[in-house]
């Protein structure tokens, strides 16, 4: 039995893998200037430069989801 799709934004899902590749380095602690602190603001800037059509809310959804994927140690699966 297939579960219904829970994700409500297929447009963001379609670009997530590319967006994740753009912002993944900003979550890596080895790239941090201050131990224990990421570069979330730089992730938003890189996302805005690469995907200018995204609204601030859409960027927040992508950054939050990307952080969860990164910190879970998972790999992004193709859509």
N, C-alpha and C. Protein backbone atom coordinates (compact mmCIF):
# COMPACT_ATOMS: atom_id res chain seq x y z
N UNK A 1 0.83 -1.17 0.00
CA UNK A 1 0.00 0.00 0.00
C UNK A 1 0.89 1.25 0.00
N UNK A 2 0.69 2.15 -0.91
CA UNK A 2 1.48 3.36 -1.01
C UNK A 2 0.89 4.44 -0.11
N UNK A 3 1.79 5.08 0.65
CA UNK A 3 1.36 6.18 1.51
C UNK A 3 1.18 7.43 0.65
N UNK A 4 0.26 8.28 1.02
CA UNK A 4 0.08 9.53 0.25
C UNK A 4 1.30 10.44 0.42
N UNK A 5 1.58 11.20 -0.61
CA UNK A 5 2.71 12.14 -0.58
C UNK A 5 2.43 13.22 0.46
N UNK A 6 3.37 13.40 1.40
CA UNK A 6 3.20 14.39 2.46
C UNK A 6 3.78 15.75 2.09
N UNK A 7 4.72 15.75 1.20
CA UNK A 7 5.37 17.01 0.84
C UNK A 7 4.41 17.85 0.02
N UNK A 8 4.26 19.10 0.42
CA UNK A 8 3.27 19.95 -0.21
C UNK A 8 3.82 20.92 -1.23
N UNK A 9 5.11 20.84 -1.54
CA UNK A 9 5.68 21.80 -2.46
C UNK A 9 6.56 21.10 -3.48
N UNK A 10 5.97 20.58 -4.54
CA UNK A 10 6.76 19.83 -5.53
C UNK A 10 7.82 20.68 -6.23
N UNK A 11 7.62 22.01 -6.30
CA UNK A 11 8.62 22.87 -6.96
C UNK A 11 9.91 22.88 -6.15
N UNK A 12 9.81 22.97 -4.83
CA UNK A 12 11.02 22.95 -4.00
C UNK A 12 11.67 21.58 -4.01
N UNK A 13 10.85 20.57 -4.01
CA UNK A 13 11.40 19.21 -4.06
C UNK A 13 12.21 19.01 -5.33
N UNK A 14 11.74 19.59 -6.42
CA UNK A 14 12.41 19.43 -7.71
C UNK A 14 13.80 20.07 -7.74
N UNK A 15 14.00 21.15 -6.97
CA UNK A 15 15.30 21.82 -6.99
C UNK A 15 16.15 21.51 -5.76
N UNK A 16 15.63 20.74 -4.83
CA UNK A 16 16.33 20.54 -3.56
C UNK A 16 17.74 19.97 -3.74
N UNK A 17 17.90 18.99 -4.56
CA UNK A 17 19.21 18.36 -4.72
C UNK A 17 20.24 19.38 -5.20
N UNK A 18 19.88 20.18 -6.19
CA UNK A 18 20.81 21.22 -6.69
C UNK A 18 21.07 22.26 -5.61
N UNK A 19 20.03 22.68 -4.91
CA UNK A 19 20.18 23.67 -3.85
C UNK A 19 21.06 23.12 -2.73
N UNK A 20 20.88 21.87 -2.38
CA UNK A 20 21.68 21.25 -1.33
C UNK A 20 23.16 21.26 -1.71
N UNK A 21 23.45 20.96 -2.95
CA UNK A 21 24.85 20.98 -3.40
C UNK A 21 25.46 22.37 -3.27
N UNK A 22 24.66 23.40 -3.48
CA UNK A 22 25.15 24.79 -3.37
C UNK A 22 25.45 25.15 -1.92
N UNK A 23 24.59 24.75 -0.98
CA UNK A 23 24.72 25.23 0.39
C UNK A 23 25.33 24.24 1.37
N UNK A 24 25.54 23.01 0.96
CA UNK A 24 26.11 21.99 1.86
C UNK A 24 27.42 22.44 2.52
N UNK A 25 28.36 23.06 1.81
CA UNK A 25 29.63 23.44 2.47
C UNK A 25 29.46 24.38 3.67
N UNK A 26 28.38 25.12 3.72
CA UNK A 26 28.19 26.07 4.82
C UNK A 26 27.78 25.39 6.12
N UNK A 27 27.41 24.12 6.06
CA UNK A 27 27.03 23.38 7.26
C UNK A 27 28.19 22.56 7.82
N UNK A 28 29.25 22.42 7.06
CA UNK A 28 30.40 21.60 7.45
C UNK A 28 31.23 22.34 8.50
N UNK A 29 31.39 21.73 9.67
CA UNK A 29 32.14 22.37 10.76
C UNK A 29 33.59 22.65 10.38
N UNK A 30 34.15 21.86 9.47
CA UNK A 30 35.54 22.09 9.08
C UNK A 30 35.70 23.38 8.27
N UNK A 31 34.61 23.94 7.78
CA UNK A 31 34.65 25.20 7.04
C UNK A 31 34.31 26.39 7.93
N UNK A 32 34.15 26.17 9.21
CA UNK A 32 33.69 27.23 10.12
C UNK A 32 34.86 28.05 10.63
N UNK A 33 34.64 29.35 10.74
CA UNK A 33 35.65 30.23 11.32
C UNK A 33 35.60 30.17 12.84
N UNK A 34 34.43 29.93 13.38
CA UNK A 34 34.23 29.85 14.81
C UNK A 34 33.75 28.45 15.14
N UNK A 35 34.51 27.70 15.93
CA UNK A 35 34.10 26.32 16.25
C UNK A 35 32.67 26.27 16.79
N UNK A 36 31.91 25.34 16.26
CA UNK A 36 30.54 25.15 16.72
C UNK A 36 29.51 26.03 16.05
N UNK A 37 29.94 26.91 15.16
CA UNK A 37 29.01 27.80 14.48
C UNK A 37 29.12 27.61 12.97
N UNK A 38 28.00 27.45 12.33
CA UNK A 38 27.97 27.32 10.88
C UNK A 38 27.89 28.66 10.21
N UNK A 39 27.72 28.62 8.94
CA UNK A 39 27.62 29.84 8.14
C UNK A 39 26.25 29.91 7.49
N UNK A 40 25.21 29.83 8.31
CA UNK A 40 23.85 29.81 7.80
C UNK A 40 23.53 31.05 6.97
N UNK A 41 24.00 32.21 7.40
CA UNK A 41 23.71 33.43 6.63
C UNK A 41 24.36 33.38 5.25
N UNK A 42 25.53 32.75 5.17
CA UNK A 42 26.18 32.61 3.86
C UNK A 42 25.43 31.58 3.00
N UNK A 43 24.84 30.60 3.64
CA UNK A 43 24.03 29.62 2.90
C UNK A 43 22.84 30.32 2.26
N UNK A 44 22.20 31.21 3.01
CA UNK A 44 21.07 31.97 2.46
C UNK A 44 21.52 32.83 1.28
N UNK A 45 22.67 33.46 1.41
CA UNK A 45 23.17 34.32 0.34
C UNK A 45 23.47 33.50 -0.92
N UNK A 46 24.15 32.36 -0.75
CA UNK A 46 24.46 31.52 -1.89
C UNK A 46 23.19 30.99 -2.55
N UNK A 47 22.20 30.64 -1.74
CA UNK A 47 20.94 30.16 -2.27
C UNK A 47 20.23 31.26 -3.06
N UNK A 48 20.23 32.47 -2.52
CA UNK A 48 19.60 33.60 -3.20
C UNK A 48 20.29 33.90 -4.54
N UNK A 49 21.63 33.79 -4.57
CA UNK A 49 22.37 34.03 -5.81
C UNK A 49 22.10 32.95 -6.85
N UNK A 50 21.97 31.72 -6.40
CA UNK A 50 21.76 30.60 -7.33
C UNK A 50 20.30 30.42 -7.75
N UNK A 51 19.38 30.82 -6.88
CA UNK A 51 17.95 30.64 -7.13
C UNK A 51 17.21 31.93 -6.79
N UNK A 52 17.40 32.99 -7.57
CA UNK A 52 16.79 34.29 -7.24
C UNK A 52 15.27 34.28 -7.27
N UNK A 53 14.67 33.29 -7.89
CA UNK A 53 13.22 33.22 -7.98
C UNK A 53 12.56 32.76 -6.69
N UNK A 54 13.34 32.25 -5.74
CA UNK A 54 12.77 31.74 -4.50
C UNK A 54 12.39 32.87 -3.56
N UNK A 55 11.27 32.68 -2.87
CA UNK A 55 10.86 33.65 -1.86
C UNK A 55 11.67 33.40 -0.58
N UNK A 56 11.69 34.35 0.34
CA UNK A 56 12.39 34.12 1.61
C UNK A 56 11.86 32.89 2.36
N UNK A 57 10.56 32.65 2.29
CA UNK A 57 9.99 31.48 2.96
C UNK A 57 10.48 30.19 2.31
N UNK A 58 10.55 30.17 0.99
CA UNK A 58 11.05 28.98 0.29
C UNK A 58 12.52 28.73 0.62
N UNK A 59 13.30 29.80 0.71
CA UNK A 59 14.71 29.65 1.08
C UNK A 59 14.83 29.08 2.49
N UNK A 60 14.00 29.55 3.40
CA UNK A 60 14.04 29.04 4.77
C UNK A 60 13.71 27.55 4.82
N UNK A 61 12.74 27.13 4.03
CA UNK A 61 12.37 25.71 3.98
C UNK A 61 13.55 24.88 3.47
N UNK A 62 14.19 25.35 2.41
CA UNK A 62 15.32 24.61 1.84
C UNK A 62 16.49 24.56 2.81
N UNK A 63 16.83 25.69 3.43
CA UNK A 63 17.97 25.70 4.36
C UNK A 63 17.69 24.79 5.56
N UNK A 64 16.49 24.85 6.10
CA UNK A 64 16.15 23.99 7.23
C UNK A 64 16.22 22.51 6.85
N UNK A 65 15.66 22.17 5.70
CA UNK A 65 15.69 20.78 5.25
C UNK A 65 17.13 20.34 4.97
N UNK A 66 17.93 21.20 4.37
CA UNK A 66 19.32 20.87 4.07
C UNK A 66 20.12 20.64 5.35
N UNK A 67 19.88 21.46 6.36
CA UNK A 67 20.55 21.27 7.65
C UNK A 67 20.20 19.91 8.24
N UNK A 68 18.94 19.54 8.16
CA UNK A 68 18.51 18.24 8.70
C UNK A 68 19.18 17.09 7.96
N UNK A 69 19.22 17.20 6.63
CA UNK A 69 19.87 16.15 5.84
C UNK A 69 21.35 16.08 6.19
N UNK A 70 22.02 17.22 6.24
CA UNK A 70 23.45 17.24 6.52
C UNK A 70 23.75 16.64 7.88
N UNK A 71 23.03 17.07 8.91
CA UNK A 71 23.32 16.62 10.26
C UNK A 71 22.87 15.18 10.52
N UNK A 72 22.00 14.65 9.67
CA UNK A 72 21.59 13.26 9.82
C UNK A 72 22.62 12.32 9.20
N UNK A 73 23.52 12.88 8.38
CA UNK A 73 24.52 12.06 7.71
C UNK A 73 23.97 11.36 6.48
N UNK A 74 22.75 11.68 6.11
CA UNK A 74 22.12 11.07 4.95
C UNK A 74 22.66 11.70 3.65
N UNK A 75 22.41 11.01 2.59
CA UNK A 75 22.73 11.54 1.28
C UNK A 75 21.43 11.94 0.61
N UNK A 76 21.50 12.94 -0.21
CA UNK A 76 20.31 13.41 -0.92
C UNK A 76 19.97 12.39 -1.99
N UNK A 77 18.74 11.93 -1.98
CA UNK A 77 18.27 11.01 -3.01
C UNK A 77 17.70 11.78 -4.18
N UNK A 78 17.88 11.32 -5.39
CA UNK A 78 17.28 12.01 -6.53
C UNK A 78 15.77 12.06 -6.38
N UNK A 79 15.15 13.14 -6.88
CA UNK A 79 13.69 13.26 -6.75
C UNK A 79 12.96 12.18 -7.51
